[in-house]
Amino acid sequence: LGYTIAGFVAAAIVTIDGQPIAQVALDEMDISKMCKYFSTIQKGVLVALNQEEWGRYEDTVITSAGRYIIMRMLGSDKRTFLVLMTTRNADPAECLTVISDVEETINQALRS
């Protein structure tokens, strides 16, 4: 992801319990401490969507003054998710497209 997304900062594969499985980041940034918080967000979103029957979950996009944080559940069992962090120079729609393109490859790697 780092080479295909302008403004890439970090990415991680995280269990729904907040444990990072893999991560890559610029400048040796360690996002593992944030994974538990990302997990809490993902769990809350899944519960909220299920309670209101708003349809199938797709992505969580968080915007801060300096970053986009995009999260997507991986696999049908919803036990892992991808976190992508970028600068605000990135195009969130393009990021979502790239995530879609690599999602199946990541799912296959997680199954093996």
N, C-alpha and C. Protein backbone atom coordinates (compact mmCIF):
# COMPACT_ATOMS: atom_id res chain seq x y z
N LEU A 1 0.81 -1.21 0.00
CA LEU A 1 0.00 0.00 0.00
C LEU A 1 0.85 1.26 0.00
N GLY A 2 2.01 1.18 0.63
CA GLY A 2 2.86 2.35 0.76
C GLY A 2 3.31 2.94 -0.55
N TYR A 3 3.49 2.11 -1.56
CA TYR A 3 3.96 2.60 -2.85
C TYR A 3 2.82 3.03 -3.77
N THR A 4 1.60 2.64 -3.46
CA THR A 4 0.49 2.94 -4.36
C THR A 4 -0.40 4.08 -3.89
N ILE A 5 -0.22 4.53 -2.66
CA ILE A 5 -1.08 5.59 -2.12
C ILE A 5 -0.25 6.82 -1.79
N ALA A 6 -0.56 7.91 -2.46
CA ALA A 6 0.10 9.18 -2.15
C ALA A 6 -0.28 9.59 -0.73
N GLY A 7 0.68 10.03 0.03
CA GLY A 7 0.39 10.46 1.39
C GLY A 7 0.34 9.32 2.39
N PHE A 8 0.80 8.13 2.00
CA PHE A 8 0.80 6.98 2.90
C PHE A 8 1.58 7.29 4.17
N VAL A 9 1.02 6.91 5.32
CA VAL A 9 1.69 7.06 6.60
C VAL A 9 1.92 5.69 7.24
N ALA A 10 0.86 4.88 7.32
CA ALA A 10 0.99 3.56 7.95
C ALA A 10 -0.20 2.68 7.56
N ALA A 11 0.00 1.38 7.72
CA ALA A 11 -1.08 0.41 7.53
C ALA A 11 -0.85 -0.75 8.48
N ALA A 12 -1.94 -1.37 8.89
CA ALA A 12 -1.84 -2.52 9.79
C ALA A 12 -3.01 -3.45 9.56
N ILE A 13 -2.76 -4.73 9.82
CA ILE A 13 -3.81 -5.73 9.90
C ILE A 13 -3.96 -6.01 11.39
N VAL A 14 -5.20 -5.92 11.88
CA VAL A 14 -5.45 -5.96 13.32
C VAL A 14 -6.58 -6.94 13.62
N THR A 15 -6.46 -7.69 14.72
CA THR A 15 -7.57 -8.54 15.13
C THR A 15 -8.66 -7.66 15.74
N ILE A 16 -9.86 -8.19 15.78
CA ILE A 16 -10.97 -7.43 16.35
C ILE A 16 -10.75 -7.16 17.84
N ASP A 17 -9.83 -7.91 18.45
CA ASP A 17 -9.48 -7.67 19.85
C ASP A 17 -8.38 -6.63 20.03
N GLY A 18 -7.90 -6.08 18.90
CA GLY A 18 -6.93 -5.00 18.98
C GLY A 18 -5.47 -5.41 18.89
N GLN A 19 -5.21 -6.67 18.56
CA GLN A 19 -3.82 -7.13 18.44
C GLN A 19 -3.34 -6.96 17.00
N PRO A 20 -2.26 -6.22 16.78
CA PRO A 20 -1.74 -6.08 15.43
C PRO A 20 -1.13 -7.40 14.95
N ILE A 21 -1.46 -7.79 13.73
CA ILE A 21 -0.88 -8.99 13.12
C ILE A 21 0.32 -8.59 12.28
N ALA A 22 0.18 -7.48 11.57
CA ALA A 22 1.26 -6.95 10.73
C ALA A 22 1.07 -5.45 10.62
N GLN A 23 2.18 -4.75 10.46
CA GLN A 23 2.10 -3.31 10.24
C GLN A 23 3.30 -2.84 9.45
N VAL A 24 3.10 -1.77 8.74
CA VAL A 24 4.17 -1.11 8.01
C VAL A 24 3.92 0.39 8.13
N ALA A 25 4.99 1.15 8.31
CA ALA A 25 4.82 2.59 8.50
C ALA A 25 6.06 3.32 8.04
N LEU A 26 5.87 4.58 7.69
CA LEU A 26 6.99 5.45 7.38
C LEU A 26 7.64 5.90 8.67
N ASP A 27 8.89 6.22 8.58
CA ASP A 27 9.62 6.78 9.72
C ASP A 27 9.55 5.90 10.96
N GLU A 28 9.41 4.59 10.76
CA GLU A 28 9.37 3.63 11.87
C GLU A 28 8.32 3.96 12.92
N MET A 29 7.25 4.58 12.50
CA MET A 29 6.14 4.91 13.38
C MET A 29 5.52 3.60 13.88
N ASP A 30 5.24 3.51 15.16
CA ASP A 30 4.64 2.32 15.74
C ASP A 30 3.18 2.61 16.06
N ILE A 31 2.27 2.03 15.28
CA ILE A 31 0.85 2.28 15.53
C ILE A 31 0.20 1.19 16.38
N SER A 32 1.00 0.24 16.87
CA SER A 32 0.44 -0.87 17.63
C SER A 32 -0.31 -0.39 18.87
N LYS A 33 0.12 0.70 19.48
CA LYS A 33 -0.55 1.22 20.67
C LYS A 33 -1.95 1.73 20.35
N MET A 34 -2.18 2.14 19.12
CA MET A 34 -3.48 2.66 18.72
C MET A 34 -4.45 1.57 18.29
N CYS A 35 -3.95 0.37 18.05
CA CYS A 35 -4.79 -0.71 17.50
C CYS A 35 -5.95 -1.07 18.41
N LYS A 36 -5.76 -1.03 19.71
CA LYS A 36 -6.84 -1.34 20.65
C LYS A 36 -7.97 -0.31 20.51
N TYR A 37 -7.61 0.95 20.32
CA TYR A 37 -8.63 1.99 20.14
C TYR A 37 -9.36 1.82 18.80
N PHE A 38 -8.61 1.48 17.76
CA PHE A 38 -9.24 1.22 16.46
C PHE A 38 -10.21 0.05 16.57
N SER A 39 -9.82 -0.97 17.34
CA SER A 39 -10.69 -2.12 17.55
C SER A 39 -11.99 -1.72 18.24
N THR A 40 -11.89 -0.88 19.24
CA THR A 40 -13.07 -0.41 19.95
C THR A 40 -14.01 0.33 19.00
N ILE A 41 -13.44 1.14 18.12
CA ILE A 41 -14.25 1.86 17.13
C ILE A 41 -14.95 0.87 16.21
N GLN A 42 -14.21 -0.11 15.70
CA GLN A 42 -14.79 -1.09 14.77
C GLN A 42 -15.91 -1.88 15.44
N LYS A 43 -15.71 -2.31 16.67
CA LYS A 43 -16.75 -3.06 17.37
C LYS A 43 -18.00 -2.21 17.54
N GLY A 44 -17.82 -0.95 17.91
CA GLY A 44 -18.96 -0.05 18.09
C GLY A 44 -19.74 0.18 16.81
N VAL A 45 -19.02 0.34 15.72
CA VAL A 45 -19.68 0.54 14.42
C VAL A 45 -20.49 -0.69 14.04
N LEU A 46 -19.91 -1.86 14.21
CA LEU A 46 -20.62 -3.11 13.87
C LEU A 46 -21.88 -3.28 14.70
N VAL A 47 -21.80 -3.00 15.99
CA VAL A 47 -22.98 -3.10 16.85
C VAL A 47 -24.04 -2.09 16.42
N ALA A 48 -23.63 -0.85 16.19
CA ALA A 48 -24.59 0.19 15.80
C ALA A 48 -25.29 -0.17 14.49
N LEU A 49 -24.55 -0.63 13.52
CA LEU A 49 -25.17 -0.98 12.23
C LEU A 49 -26.10 -2.17 12.37
N ASN A 50 -25.74 -3.14 13.18
CA ASN A 50 -26.61 -4.30 13.38
C ASN A 50 -27.89 -3.93 14.12
N GLN A 51 -27.81 -3.01 15.05
CA GLN A 51 -28.98 -2.62 15.84
C GLN A 51 -30.00 -1.88 14.99
N GLU A 52 -29.54 -1.06 14.09
CA GLU A 52 -30.44 -0.23 13.30
C GLU A 52 -30.73 -0.81 11.93
N GLU A 53 -30.09 -1.92 11.60
CA GLU A 53 -30.29 -2.56 10.30
C GLU A 53 -30.11 -1.57 9.15
N TRP A 54 -29.01 -0.86 9.17
CA TRP A 54 -28.70 0.14 8.15
C TRP A 54 -28.02 -0.46 6.94
N GLY A 55 -27.85 -1.74 6.92
CA GLY A 55 -27.19 -2.37 5.79
C GLY A 55 -25.83 -2.89 6.17
N ARG A 56 -25.21 -3.55 5.23
CA ARG A 56 -23.91 -4.18 5.44
C ARG A 56 -22.83 -3.13 5.65
N TYR A 57 -21.98 -3.38 6.63
CA TYR A 57 -20.85 -2.50 6.91
C TYR A 57 -19.90 -2.48 5.71
N GLU A 58 -19.36 -1.32 5.40
CA GLU A 58 -18.36 -1.22 4.33
C GLU A 58 -17.03 -0.71 4.88
N ASP A 59 -16.95 0.54 5.27
CA ASP A 59 -15.70 1.14 5.73
C ASP A 59 -15.96 2.13 6.84
N THR A 60 -14.93 2.38 7.63
CA THR A 60 -14.94 3.45 8.61
C THR A 60 -13.88 4.46 8.18
N VAL A 61 -14.28 5.72 8.04
CA VAL A 61 -13.35 6.77 7.63
C VAL A 61 -13.35 7.84 8.71
N ILE A 62 -12.17 8.10 9.24
CA ILE A 62 -12.00 9.13 10.27
C ILE A 62 -11.14 10.24 9.67
N THR A 63 -11.56 11.46 9.87
CA THR A 63 -10.81 12.60 9.34
C THR A 63 -10.36 13.47 10.52
N SER A 64 -9.05 13.73 10.57
CA SER A 64 -8.53 14.67 11.56
C SER A 64 -7.89 15.83 10.81
N ALA A 65 -7.35 16.77 11.52
CA ALA A 65 -6.75 17.93 10.87
C ALA A 65 -5.59 17.55 9.95
N GLY A 66 -4.88 16.49 10.29
CA GLY A 66 -3.72 16.13 9.50
C GLY A 66 -3.75 14.76 8.85
N ARG A 67 -4.76 13.93 9.16
CA ARG A 67 -4.76 12.55 8.69
C ARG A 67 -6.14 12.07 8.27
N TYR A 68 -6.12 11.05 7.42
CA TYR A 68 -7.27 10.20 7.18
C TYR A 68 -6.92 8.85 7.79
N ILE A 69 -7.87 8.24 8.46
CA ILE A 69 -7.73 6.88 8.96
C ILE A 69 -8.89 6.10 8.37
N ILE A 70 -8.57 5.10 7.57
CA ILE A 70 -9.58 4.31 6.89
C ILE A 70 -9.46 2.88 7.39
N MET A 71 -10.60 2.31 7.80
CA MET A 71 -10.61 0.95 8.32
C MET A 71 -11.64 0.12 7.56
N ARG A 72 -11.27 -1.13 7.30
CA ARG A 72 -12.18 -2.06 6.62
C ARG A 72 -12.05 -3.44 7.25
N MET A 73 -13.20 -4.03 7.57
CA MET A 73 -13.21 -5.40 8.08
C MET A 73 -12.77 -6.34 6.96
N LEU A 74 -12.05 -7.38 7.34
CA LEU A 74 -11.55 -8.36 6.38
C LEU A 74 -12.23 -9.70 6.63
N GLY A 75 -12.60 -10.37 5.56
CA GLY A 75 -13.21 -11.69 5.68
C GLY A 75 -14.64 -11.62 6.17
N SER A 76 -15.36 -12.70 5.96
CA SER A 76 -16.77 -12.73 6.34
C SER A 76 -16.97 -12.94 7.84
N ASP A 77 -15.93 -13.42 8.53
CA ASP A 77 -16.07 -13.68 9.96
C ASP A 77 -15.86 -12.43 10.82
N LYS A 78 -15.42 -11.34 10.21
CA LYS A 78 -15.23 -10.06 10.90
C LYS A 78 -14.32 -10.19 12.13
N ARG A 79 -13.23 -10.96 11.98
CA ARG A 79 -12.27 -11.14 13.08
C ARG A 79 -11.02 -10.30 12.91
N THR A 80 -10.81 -9.74 11.73
CA THR A 80 -9.65 -8.88 11.47
C THR A 80 -10.08 -7.69 10.63
N PHE A 81 -9.27 -6.64 10.71
CA PHE A 81 -9.54 -5.47 9.88
C PHE A 81 -8.24 -4.81 9.46
N LEU A 82 -8.34 -4.03 8.41
CA LEU A 82 -7.22 -3.27 7.87
C LEU A 82 -7.35 -1.82 8.32
N VAL A 83 -6.25 -1.24 8.76
CA VAL A 83 -6.19 0.19 9.09
C VAL A 83 -5.21 0.83 8.12
N LEU A 84 -5.63 1.90 7.48
CA LEU A 84 -4.76 2.67 6.60
C LEU A 84 -4.75 4.11 7.08
N MET A 85 -3.56 4.64 7.33
CA MET A 85 -3.42 6.03 7.74
C MET A 85 -2.69 6.78 6.64
N THR A 86 -3.22 7.95 6.28
CA THR A 86 -2.60 8.79 5.25
C THR A 86 -2.60 10.24 5.71
N THR A 87 -1.84 11.04 4.99
CA THR A 87 -1.94 12.48 5.20
C THR A 87 -3.21 12.97 4.52
N ARG A 88 -3.55 14.22 4.76
CA ARG A 88 -4.73 14.80 4.12
C ARG A 88 -4.50 15.06 2.63
N ASN A 89 -3.27 14.85 2.14
CA ASN A 89 -3.00 14.98 0.71
C ASN A 89 -3.55 13.80 -0.08
N ALA A 90 -3.85 12.71 0.59
CA ALA A 90 -4.38 11.52 -0.08
C ALA A 90 -5.84 11.75 -0.47
N ASP A 91 -6.27 11.02 -1.48
CA ASP A 91 -7.67 11.03 -1.91
C ASP A 91 -8.36 9.83 -1.27
N PRO A 92 -9.29 10.05 -0.34
CA PRO A 92 -9.93 8.92 0.34
C PRO A 92 -10.62 7.94 -0.62
N ALA A 93 -11.23 8.45 -1.67
CA ALA A 93 -11.88 7.57 -2.64
C ALA A 93 -10.86 6.67 -3.33
N GLU A 94 -9.71 7.22 -3.65
CA GLU A 94 -8.64 6.42 -4.26
C GLU A 94 -8.13 5.38 -3.26
N CYS A 95 -8.01 5.76 -2.01
CA CYS A 95 -7.56 4.82 -0.97
C CYS A 95 -8.53 3.65 -0.86
N LEU A 96 -9.82 3.93 -0.89
CA LEU A 96 -10.82 2.87 -0.80
C LEU A 96 -10.73 1.93 -1.99
N THR A 97 -10.44 2.47 -3.17
CA THR A 97 -10.26 1.64 -4.36
C THR A 97 -9.06 0.73 -4.22
N VAL A 98 -7.95 1.28 -3.73
CA VAL A 98 -6.74 0.48 -3.55
C VAL A 98 -6.99 -0.61 -2.51
N ILE A 99 -7.67 -0.27 -1.42
CA ILE A 99 -7.99 -1.27 -0.40
C ILE A 99 -8.83 -2.40 -1.01
N SER A 100 -9.81 -2.04 -1.81
CA SER A 100 -10.63 -3.06 -2.48
C SER A 100 -9.79 -3.96 -3.35
N ASP A 101 -8.81 -3.38 -4.03
CA ASP A 101 -7.96 -4.15 -4.93
C ASP A 101 -7.08 -5.16 -4.19
N VAL A 102 -6.67 -4.85 -2.97
CA VAL A 102 -5.77 -5.74 -2.22
C VAL A 102 -6.48 -6.60 -1.19
N GLU A 103 -7.75 -6.35 -0.99
CA GLU A 103 -8.50 -7.03 0.07
C GLU A 103 -8.48 -8.55 -0.07
N GLU A 104 -8.75 -9.06 -1.24
CA GLU A 104 -8.80 -10.51 -1.42
C GLU A 104 -7.43 -11.15 -1.19
N THR A 105 -6.37 -10.49 -1.63
CA THR A 105 -5.02 -11.00 -1.40
C THR A 105 -4.73 -11.09 0.10
N ILE A 106 -5.12 -10.08 0.85
CA ILE A 106 -4.93 -10.09 2.30
C ILE A 106 -5.75 -11.21 2.93
N ASN A 107 -7.01 -11.35 2.50
CA ASN A 107 -7.86 -12.41 3.03
C ASN A 107 -7.25 -13.79 2.79
N GLN A 108 -6.71 -14.00 1.60
CA GLN A 108 -6.07 -15.29 1.30
C GLN A 108 -4.88 -15.53 2.21
N ALA A 109 -4.08 -14.50 2.42
CA ALA A 109 -2.91 -14.64 3.29
C ALA A 109 -3.33 -14.96 4.72
N LEU A 110 -4.41 -14.37 5.18
CA LEU A 110 -4.88 -14.63 6.54
C LEU A 110 -5.42 -16.04 6.71
N ARG A 111 -5.99 -16.60 5.63
CA ARG A 111 -6.53 -17.97 5.69
C ARG A 111 -5.43 -19.03 5.68
N SER A 112 -4.25 -18.69 5.15
CA SER A 112 -3.20 -19.71 5.06
C SER A 112 -2.27 -19.74 6.24
